[in-house]
Amino acid sequence: MKQKCFLPIFLTVIAIIGIAEDASCEESLMPSSESLFRQFQSISVACPIGAAPFSYKDEDGEIKGSVIDLWRLWSEKTGIAVRLKGGIWKETVEDVCSGKADIHAIFDEPDHPCLDMIALVPTADFSIALFWSNKLSGIKGIEDLSGIKIGIIKGISEESYVRQHYPKADLMLYPSLPAIIESAQKKEIKALIAEEESVIWWLKKRGIFSEFQFIPEQPLIKNTAYAAVKKGNTALA
């Protein structure tokens, strides 16, 4: 993914997590921490609550995760308050597109019609994997699941990828990963496609990890997720 020169508040994030600044950025265009604070006293960050361990809501309703920790660190270092706004993926994307939130905490769709990824601030590397029930035999990939419904989150890049590369796949669409895991726990589906670490986290949380298998060395997609802002938001991108 080609990096761009993004100027305002994310330059501070870059310094915090040790990512080098793009050499093409002119020194005179880099705002000081003081000017940043004057411009932004707070920002709202939309956080998908089903993307554990990166971003999720715990039993007490608190938004947590490794990406959330990064945003809290950024807030601590800059003095700019971060207001976390949780929701399922569709809701968090709509919040940023509609202006209800300033930034999407973690995003992986570079060609999205509404959002621009902040390419200088990678937040997580991830793999999209196929998981299937131990009750199924002879499974090596999606092509071996003919006639078997595969759970997947509706409207995200993984769905588009599978439909393009595996048009015969029988997909069952869900609003979130927790909804997929619940369906798997009820034996309503025997296979699912989602972010590998997140699936493992949720399967273990529900106590059914041993009932599923996958091939770690054969992910469907490997990518890096970034923060994202609404297209045209020149103040933040």
C-alpha atoms as a PDB file:
ATOM      1  CA  MET A   1       0.000   0.000   0.000  1.00  0.00           C
ATOM      2  CA  LYS A   2       1.443   3.342  -1.017  1.00  0.00           C
ATOM      3  CA  GLN A   3       1.967   5.767   1.845  1.00  0.00           C
ATOM      4  CA  LYS A   4       0.820   9.370   1.603  1.00  0.00           C
ATOM      5  CA  CYS A   5       1.748  12.542   3.436  1.00  0.00           C
ATOM      6  CA  PHE A   6      -1.017  13.120   6.001  1.00  0.00           C
ATOM      7  CA  LEU A   7      -0.427  16.275   7.991  1.00  0.00           C
ATOM      8  CA  PRO A   8      -2.604  17.120  10.984  1.00  0.00           C
ATOM      9  CA  ILE A   9      -3.209  15.184  14.198  1.00  0.00           C
ATOM     10  CA  PHE A  10      -1.921  11.785  13.102  1.00  0.00           C
ATOM     11  CA  LEU A  11       1.663  13.061  12.912  1.00  0.00           C
ATOM     12  CA  THR A  12       1.651  12.889  16.687  1.00  0.00           C
ATOM     13  CA  VAL A  13       0.498   9.267  16.543  1.00  0.00           C
ATOM     14  CA  ILE A  14       3.386   8.492  14.220  1.00  0.00           C
ATOM     15  CA  ALA A  15       5.846   9.853  16.760  1.00  0.00           C
ATOM     16  CA  ILE A  16       4.231   7.861  19.555  1.00  0.00           C
ATOM     17  CA  ILE A  17       4.378   4.475  17.875  1.00  0.00           C
ATOM     18  CA  GLY A  18       7.750   5.057  16.238  1.00  0.00           C
ATOM     19  CA  ILE A  19       6.722   5.178  12.595  1.00  0.00           C
ATOM     20  CA  ALA A  20       8.999   7.376  10.505  1.00  0.00           C
ATOM     21  CA  GLU A  21       7.502  10.478   8.929  1.00  0.00           C
ATOM     22  CA  ASP A  22       7.235  10.575   5.151  1.00  0.00           C
ATOM     23  CA  ALA A  23      10.279  12.420   3.803  1.00  0.00           C
ATOM     24  CA  SER A  24       8.099  14.291   1.303  1.00  0.00           C
ATOM     25  CA  CYS A  25       6.349  16.227   4.094  1.00  0.00           C
ATOM     26  CA  GLU A  26       7.766  19.715   4.352  1.00  0.00           C
ATOM     27  CA  GLU A  27       8.879  20.801   7.809  1.00  0.00           C
ATOM     28  CA  SER A  28       6.851  24.010   7.632  1.00  0.00           C
ATOM     29  CA  LEU A  29       3.641  22.034   7.189  1.00  0.00           C
ATOM     30  CA  MET A  30       4.020  19.994  10.386  1.00  0.00           C
ATOM     31  CA  PRO A  31       1.854  21.528  13.136  1.00  0.00           C
ATOM     32  CA  SER A  32       3.182  21.723  16.689  1.00  0.00           C
ATOM     33  CA  SER A  33       1.489  19.924  19.591  1.00  0.00           C
ATOM     34  CA  GLU A  34       0.281  23.320  20.845  1.00  0.00           C
ATOM     35  CA  SER A  35      -1.443  24.117  17.553  1.00  0.00           C
ATOM     36  CA  LEU A  36      -2.949  20.649  17.486  1.00  0.00           C
ATOM     37  CA  PHE A  37      -4.415  21.159  20.946  1.00  0.00           C
ATOM     38  CA  ARG A  38      -5.901  24.511  19.948  1.00  0.00           C
ATOM     39  CA  GLN A  39      -7.519  22.951  16.890  1.00  0.00           C
ATOM     40  CA  PHE A  40      -8.811  19.752  18.522  1.00  0.00           C
ATOM     41  CA  GLN A  41      -9.798  19.560  22.168  1.00  0.00           C
ATOM     42  CA  SER A  42     -11.463  16.205  21.531  1.00  0.00           C
ATOM     43  CA  ILE A  43     -12.179  13.739  18.743  1.00  0.00           C
ATOM     44  CA  SER A  44     -14.717  10.931  18.482  1.00  0.00           C
ATOM     45  CA  VAL A  45     -13.509   7.495  17.384  1.00  0.00           C
ATOM     46  CA  ALA A  46     -15.933   4.863  16.068  1.00  0.00           C
ATOM     47  CA  CYS A  47     -14.936   1.428  17.390  1.00  0.00           C
ATOM     48  CA  PRO A  48     -16.312  -1.878  16.035  1.00  0.00           C
ATOM     49  CA  ILE A  49     -17.266  -3.925  19.104  1.00  0.00           C
ATOM     50  CA  GLY A  50     -16.937  -7.343  17.465  1.00  0.00           C
ATOM     51  CA  ALA A  51     -13.303  -7.072  16.351  1.00  0.00           C
ATOM     52  CA  ALA A  52     -11.602  -8.625  19.386  1.00  0.00           C
ATOM     53  CA  PRO A  53      -8.773  -8.626  20.315  1.00  0.00           C
ATOM     54  CA  PHE A  54      -8.345  -5.335  18.437  1.00  0.00           C
ATOM     55  CA  SER A  55     -11.598  -3.586  19.383  1.00  0.00           C
ATOM     56  CA  TYR A  56     -14.471  -5.025  21.417  1.00  0.00           C
ATOM     57  CA  LYS A  57     -16.886  -4.404  24.281  1.00  0.00           C
ATOM     58  CA  ASP A  58     -16.402  -6.404  27.485  1.00  0.00           C
ATOM     59  CA  GLU A  59     -19.035  -7.762  29.879  1.00  0.00           C
ATOM     60  CA  ASP A  60     -19.191  -4.413  31.685  1.00  0.00           C
ATOM     61  CA  GLY A  61     -19.851  -2.530  28.456  1.00  0.00           C
ATOM     62  CA  GLU A  62     -16.369  -0.973  28.296  1.00  0.00           C
ATOM     63  CA  ILE A  63     -14.690  -0.702  24.889  1.00  0.00           C
ATOM     64  CA  LYS A  64     -11.297  -2.416  24.977  1.00  0.00           C
ATOM     65  CA  GLY A  65      -8.658  -3.927  22.685  1.00  0.00           C
ATOM     66  CA  SER A  66      -5.129  -3.443  21.386  1.00  0.00           C
ATOM     67  CA  VAL A  67      -6.198  -0.737  18.925  1.00  0.00           C
ATOM     68  CA  ILE A  68      -8.195   1.004  21.656  1.00  0.00           C
ATOM     69  CA  ASP A  69      -5.068   0.988  23.830  1.00  0.00           C
ATOM     70  CA  LEU A  70      -3.255   2.818  21.019  1.00  0.00           C
ATOM     71  CA  TRP A  71      -5.907   5.530  20.894  1.00  0.00           C
ATOM     72  CA  ARG A  72      -5.839   5.933  24.679  1.00  0.00           C
ATOM     73  CA  LEU A  73      -2.054   6.287  24.534  1.00  0.00           C
ATOM     74  CA  TRP A  74      -2.408   8.868  21.776  1.00  0.00           C
ATOM     75  CA  SER A  75      -4.894  10.812  23.923  1.00  0.00           C
ATOM     76  CA  GLU A  76      -2.565  10.661  26.917  1.00  0.00           C
ATOM     77  CA  LYS A  77       0.414  11.935  24.923  1.00  0.00           C
ATOM     78  CA  THR A  78      -1.410  14.717  23.053  1.00  0.00           C
ATOM     79  CA  GLY A  79      -3.839  15.847  25.737  1.00  0.00           C
ATOM     80  CA  ILE A  80      -6.655  15.612  23.189  1.00  0.00           C
ATOM     81  CA  ALA A  81      -9.648  13.748  24.603  1.00  0.00           C
ATOM     82  CA  VAL A  82     -10.810  10.673  22.693  1.00  0.00           C
ATOM     83  CA  ARG A  83     -14.496   9.811  22.875  1.00  0.00           C
ATOM     84  CA  LEU A  84     -15.031   6.149  21.989  1.00  0.00           C
ATOM     85  CA  LYS A  85     -18.257   5.268  20.183  1.00  0.00           C
ATOM     86  CA  GLY A  86     -18.941   1.542  19.865  1.00  0.00           C
ATOM     87  CA  GLY A  87     -21.168  -0.352  17.456  1.00  0.00           C
ATOM     88  CA  ILE A  88     -21.274  -3.182  14.955  1.00  0.00           C
ATOM     89  CA  TRP A  89     -19.212  -2.658  11.802  1.00  0.00           C
ATOM     90  CA  LYS A  90     -22.028  -1.249   9.671  1.00  0.00           C
ATOM     91  CA  GLU A  91     -22.973   1.233  12.394  1.00  0.00           C
ATOM     92  CA  THR A  92     -19.432   2.488  13.003  1.00  0.00           C
ATOM     93  CA  VAL A  93     -18.817   3.039   9.288  1.00  0.00           C
ATOM     94  CA  GLU A  94     -22.116   4.908   8.976  1.00  0.00           C
ATOM     95  CA  ASP A  95     -21.219   7.044  12.007  1.00  0.00           C
ATOM     96  CA  VAL A  96     -18.041   8.301  10.318  1.00  0.00           C
ATOM     97  CA  CYS A  97     -19.702   8.729   6.924  1.00  0.00           C
ATOM     98  CA  SER A  98     -22.528  10.761   8.480  1.00  0.00           C
ATOM     99  CA  GLY A  99     -20.225  12.877  10.632  1.00  0.00           C
ATOM    100  CA  LYS A 100     -21.381  11.413  13.955  1.00  0.00           C
ATOM    101  CA  ALA A 101     -17.791  10.259  14.557  1.00  0.00           C
ATOM    102  CA  ASP A 102     -14.499  11.756  13.364  1.00  0.00           C
ATOM    103  CA  ILE A 103     -12.404   8.631  12.854  1.00  0.00           C
ATOM    104  CA  HIS A 104     -12.916   4.899  12.359  1.00  0.00           C
ATOM    105  CA  ALA A 105     -10.543   3.146  14.763  1.00  0.00           C
ATOM    106  CA  ILE A 106      -9.617   0.250  12.483  1.00  0.00           C
ATOM    107  CA  PHE A 107     -10.404  -0.106   8.777  1.00  0.00           C
ATOM    108  CA  ASP A 108      -9.224  -2.220   5.840  1.00  0.00           C
ATOM    109  CA  GLU A 109     -11.135  -1.156   2.712  1.00  0.00           C
ATOM    110  CA  PRO A 110      -8.926   1.134   0.555  1.00  0.00           C
ATOM    111  CA  ASP A 111     -11.593   1.531  -2.147  1.00  0.00           C
ATOM    112  CA  HIS A 112     -14.482   2.418   0.148  1.00  0.00           C
ATOM    113  CA  PRO A 113     -16.760   5.076  -1.420  1.00  0.00           C
ATOM    114  CA  CYS A 114     -17.058   7.122   1.770  1.00  0.00           C
ATOM    115  CA  LEU A 115     -13.906   6.644   3.856  1.00  0.00           C
ATOM    116  CA  ASP A 116     -10.203   7.316   3.289  1.00  0.00           C
ATOM    117  CA  MET A 117      -7.642   5.204   5.118  1.00  0.00           C
ATOM    118  CA  ILE A 118      -4.864   7.010   6.980  1.00  0.00           C
ATOM    119  CA  ALA A 119      -2.005   5.092   5.433  1.00  0.00           C
ATOM    120  CA  LEU A 120       0.741   6.389   7.725  1.00  0.00           C
ATOM    121  CA  VAL A 121      -0.826   4.911  10.845  1.00  0.00           C
ATOM    122  CA  PRO A 122      -1.127   1.112  10.602  1.00  0.00           C
ATOM    123  CA  THR A 123      -3.069  -0.220  13.554  1.00  0.00           C
ATOM    124  CA  ALA A 124      -3.093  -3.987  13.011  1.00  0.00           C
ATOM    125  CA  ASP A 125      -1.840  -6.707  10.670  1.00  0.00           C
ATOM    126  CA  PHE A 126      -4.409  -9.417  10.123  1.00  0.00           C
ATOM    127  CA  SER A 127      -5.339 -12.542   8.198  1.00  0.00           C
ATOM    128  CA  ILE A 128      -8.776 -13.547   6.950  1.00  0.00           C
ATOM    129  CA  ALA A 129      -9.240 -17.287   7.381  1.00  0.00           C
ATOM    130  CA  LEU A 130     -11.741 -20.049   6.737  1.00  0.00           C
ATOM    131  CA  PHE A 131     -12.866 -22.022   9.802  1.00  0.00           C
ATOM    132  CA  TRP A 132     -14.946 -25.195   9.619  1.00  0.00           C
ATOM    133  CA  SER A 133     -16.474 -27.739  11.967  1.00  0.00           C
ATOM    134  CA  ASN A 134     -14.484 -30.787  13.033  1.00  0.00           C
ATOM    135  CA  LYS A 135     -17.518 -32.802  11.946  1.00  0.00           C
ATOM    136  CA  LEU A 136     -16.616 -32.071   8.325  1.00  0.00           C
ATOM    137  CA  SER A 137     -13.923 -34.176   6.676  1.00  0.00           C
ATOM    138  CA  GLY A 138     -11.733 -33.690   3.628  1.00  0.00           C
ATOM    139  CA  ILE A 139     -11.896 -29.888   3.772  1.00  0.00           C
ATOM    140  CA  LYS A 140      -8.911 -28.027   2.348  1.00  0.00           C
ATOM    141  CA  GLY A 141     -10.586 -24.831   1.181  1.00  0.00           C
ATOM    142  CA  ILE A 142     -13.822 -23.055   0.283  1.00  0.00           C
ATOM    143  CA  GLU A 143     -14.226 -25.141  -2.869  1.00  0.00           C
ATOM    144  CA  ASP A 144     -14.695 -28.232  -0.664  1.00  0.00           C
ATOM    145  CA  LEU A 145     -17.711 -26.721   1.110  1.00  0.00           C
ATOM    146  CA  SER A 146     -20.244 -27.179  -1.687  1.00  0.00           C
ATOM    147  CA  GLY A 147     -23.763 -27.059  -0.269  1.00  0.00           C
ATOM    148  CA  ILE A 148     -22.547 -25.946   3.175  1.00  0.00           C
ATOM    149  CA  LYS A 149     -23.470 -22.474   4.372  1.00  0.00           C
ATOM    150  CA  ILE A 150     -20.546 -20.234   5.319  1.00  0.00           C
ATOM    151  CA  GLY A 151     -21.072 -17.409   7.790  1.00  0.00           C
ATOM    152  CA  ILE A 152     -19.558 -14.038   6.882  1.00  0.00           C
ATOM    153  CA  ILE A 153     -20.090 -10.409   7.902  1.00  0.00           C
ATOM    154  CA  LYS A 154     -22.365  -8.578   5.489  1.00  0.00           C
ATOM    155  CA  GLY A 155     -21.118  -5.657   3.434  1.00  0.00           C
ATOM    156  CA  ILE A 156     -17.386  -5.749   4.148  1.00  0.00           C
ATOM    157  CA  SER A 157     -14.427  -6.411   1.873  1.00  0.00           C
ATOM    158  CA  GLU A 158     -14.230 -10.107   2.818  1.00  0.00           C
ATOM    159  CA  GLU A 159     -17.712 -10.713   1.424  1.00  0.00           C
ATOM    160  CA  SER A 160     -16.784  -9.016  -1.863  1.00  0.00           C
ATOM    161  CA  TYR A 161     -13.559 -11.016  -2.084  1.00  0.00           C
ATOM    162  CA  VAL A 162     -15.276 -14.366  -1.566  1.00  0.00           C
ATOM    163  CA  ARG A 163     -18.058 -13.576  -4.036  1.00  0.00           C
ATOM    164  CA  GLN A 164     -15.498 -12.592  -6.665  1.00  0.00           C
ATOM    165  CA  HIS A 165     -13.107 -15.515  -6.203  1.00  0.00           C
ATOM    166  CA  TYR A 166     -15.535 -18.218  -5.059  1.00  0.00           C
ATOM    167  CA  PRO A 167     -18.871 -17.405  -6.752  1.00  0.00           C
ATOM    168  CA  LYS A 168     -20.324 -20.816  -5.874  1.00  0.00           C
ATOM    169  CA  ALA A 169     -19.788 -20.348  -2.130  1.00  0.00           C
ATOM    170  CA  ASP A 170     -23.065 -20.493  -0.188  1.00  0.00           C
ATOM    171  CA  LEU A 171     -22.743 -17.444   2.058  1.00  0.00           C
ATOM    172  CA  MET A 172     -24.949 -16.683   5.046  1.00  0.00           C
ATOM    173  CA  LEU A 173     -24.689 -13.001   5.966  1.00  0.00           C
ATOM    174  CA  TYR A 174     -24.509 -11.644   9.517  1.00  0.00           C
ATOM    175  CA  PRO A 175     -24.259  -8.126  10.979  1.00  0.00           C
ATOM    176  CA  SER A 176     -21.235  -8.929  13.165  1.00  0.00           C
ATOM    177  CA  LEU A 177     -18.720 -11.605  14.118  1.00  0.00           C
ATOM    178  CA  PRO A 178     -20.353 -12.267  17.524  1.00  0.00           C
ATOM    179  CA  ALA A 179     -23.577 -13.034  15.643  1.00  0.00           C
ATOM    180  CA  ILE A 180     -21.697 -15.527  13.460  1.00  0.00           C
ATOM    181  CA  ILE A 181     -20.115 -17.194  16.491  1.00  0.00           C
ATOM    182  CA  GLU A 182     -23.499 -17.456  18.213  1.00  0.00           C
ATOM    183  CA  SER A 183     -24.923 -19.132  15.117  1.00  0.00           C
ATOM    184  CA  ALA A 184     -21.968 -21.530  15.032  1.00  0.00           C
ATOM    185  CA  GLN A 185     -22.479 -22.347  18.698  1.00  0.00           C
ATOM    186  CA  LYS A 186     -26.111 -23.208  17.949  1.00  0.00           C
ATOM    187  CA  LYS A 187     -24.932 -25.498  15.110  1.00  0.00           C
ATOM    188  CA  GLU A 188     -26.764 -23.344  12.565  1.00  0.00           C
ATOM    189  CA  ILE A 189     -23.622 -23.028  10.444  1.00  0.00           C
ATOM    190  CA  LYS A 190     -20.612 -25.310  10.108  1.00  0.00           C
ATOM    191  CA  ALA A 191     -18.153 -22.882   8.523  1.00  0.00           C
ATOM    192  CA  LEU A 192     -17.270 -19.210   8.697  1.00  0.00           C
ATOM    193  CA  ILE A 193     -14.879 -16.659   7.226  1.00  0.00           C
ATOM    194  CA  ALA A 194     -13.506 -13.768   9.276  1.00  0.00           C
ATOM    195  CA  GLU A 195     -10.355 -12.256  10.771  1.00  0.00           C
ATOM    196  CA  GLU A 196      -8.301 -15.110  12.205  1.00  0.00           C
ATOM    197  CA  GLU A 197      -7.346 -13.686  15.612  1.00  0.00           C
ATOM    198  CA  SER A 198     -10.855 -12.378  16.185  1.00  0.00           C
ATOM    199  CA  VAL A 199     -12.442 -15.745  15.396  1.00  0.00           C
ATOM    200  CA  ILE A 200     -10.037 -17.557  17.718  1.00  0.00           C
ATOM    201  CA  TRP A 201     -10.779 -15.040  20.490  1.00  0.00           C
ATOM    202  CA  TRP A 202     -14.555 -15.446  20.172  1.00  0.00           C
ATOM    203  CA  LEU A 203     -14.486 -19.241  19.781  1.00  0.00           C
ATOM    204  CA  LYS A 204     -12.420 -19.534  22.956  1.00  0.00           C
ATOM    205  CA  LYS A 205     -14.692 -17.101  24.772  1.00  0.00           C
ATOM    206  CA  ARG A 206     -17.719 -19.251  23.878  1.00  0.00           C
ATOM    207  CA  GLY A 207     -15.867 -22.462  24.735  1.00  0.00           C
ATOM    208  CA  ILE A 208     -16.127 -23.993  21.259  1.00  0.00           C
ATOM    209  CA  PHE A 209     -12.633 -23.424  19.865  1.00  0.00           C
ATOM    210  CA  SER A 210     -11.888 -27.168  19.921  1.00  0.00           C
ATOM    211  CA  GLU A 211     -14.919 -27.793  17.686  1.00  0.00           C
ATOM    212  CA  PHE A 212     -13.414 -25.921  14.723  1.00  0.00           C
ATOM    213  CA  GLN A 213     -10.284 -26.098  12.633  1.00  0.00           C
ATOM    214  CA  PHE A 214      -8.454 -23.893  10.149  1.00  0.00           C
ATOM    215  CA  ILE A 215      -5.136 -23.774   8.312  1.00  0.00           C
ATOM    216  CA  PRO A 216      -2.999 -20.911   9.706  1.00  0.00           C
ATOM    217  CA  GLU A 217      -0.542 -21.178   6.814  1.00  0.00           C
ATOM    218  CA  GLN A 218      -3.287 -20.645   4.216  1.00  0.00           C
ATOM    219  CA  PRO A 219      -5.160 -17.396   4.935  1.00  0.00           C
ATOM    220  CA  LEU A 220      -7.590 -16.175   2.296  1.00  0.00           C
ATOM    221  CA  ILE A 221      -6.350 -12.597   2.689  1.00  0.00           C
ATOM    222  CA  LYS A 222      -3.418 -10.939   4.458  1.00  0.00           C
ATOM    223  CA  ASN A 223      -3.673  -7.205   4.989  1.00  0.00           C
ATOM    224  CA  THR A 224      -3.024  -4.256   7.294  1.00  0.00           C
ATOM    225  CA  ALA A 225      -5.797  -2.238   8.878  1.00  0.00           C
ATOM    226  CA  TYR A 226      -5.510   1.514   9.400  1.00  0.00           C
ATOM    227  CA  ALA A 227      -7.518   4.331  10.881  1.00  0.00           C
ATOM    228  CA  ALA A 228      -9.943   6.022   8.464  1.00  0.00           C
ATOM    229  CA  VAL A 229     -11.756   9.340   8.077  1.00  0.00           C
ATOM    230  CA  LYS A 230     -14.592  10.586   5.914  1.00  0.00           C
ATOM    231  CA  LYS A 231     -13.562  11.567   2.400  1.00  0.00           C
ATOM    232  CA  GLY A 232     -13.021  15.299   2.170  1.00  0.00           C
ATOM    233  CA  ASN A 233     -12.179  15.692   5.862  1.00  0.00           C
ATOM    234  CA  THR A 234      -9.072  17.786   5.228  1.00  0.00           C
ATOM    235  CA  ALA A 235      -8.707  18.688   8.908  1.00  0.00           C
ATOM    236  CA  LEU A 236      -7.873  15.097   9.821  1.00  0.00           C
ATOM    237  CA  ALA A 237      -6.470  13.699   6.592  1.00  0.00           C
END
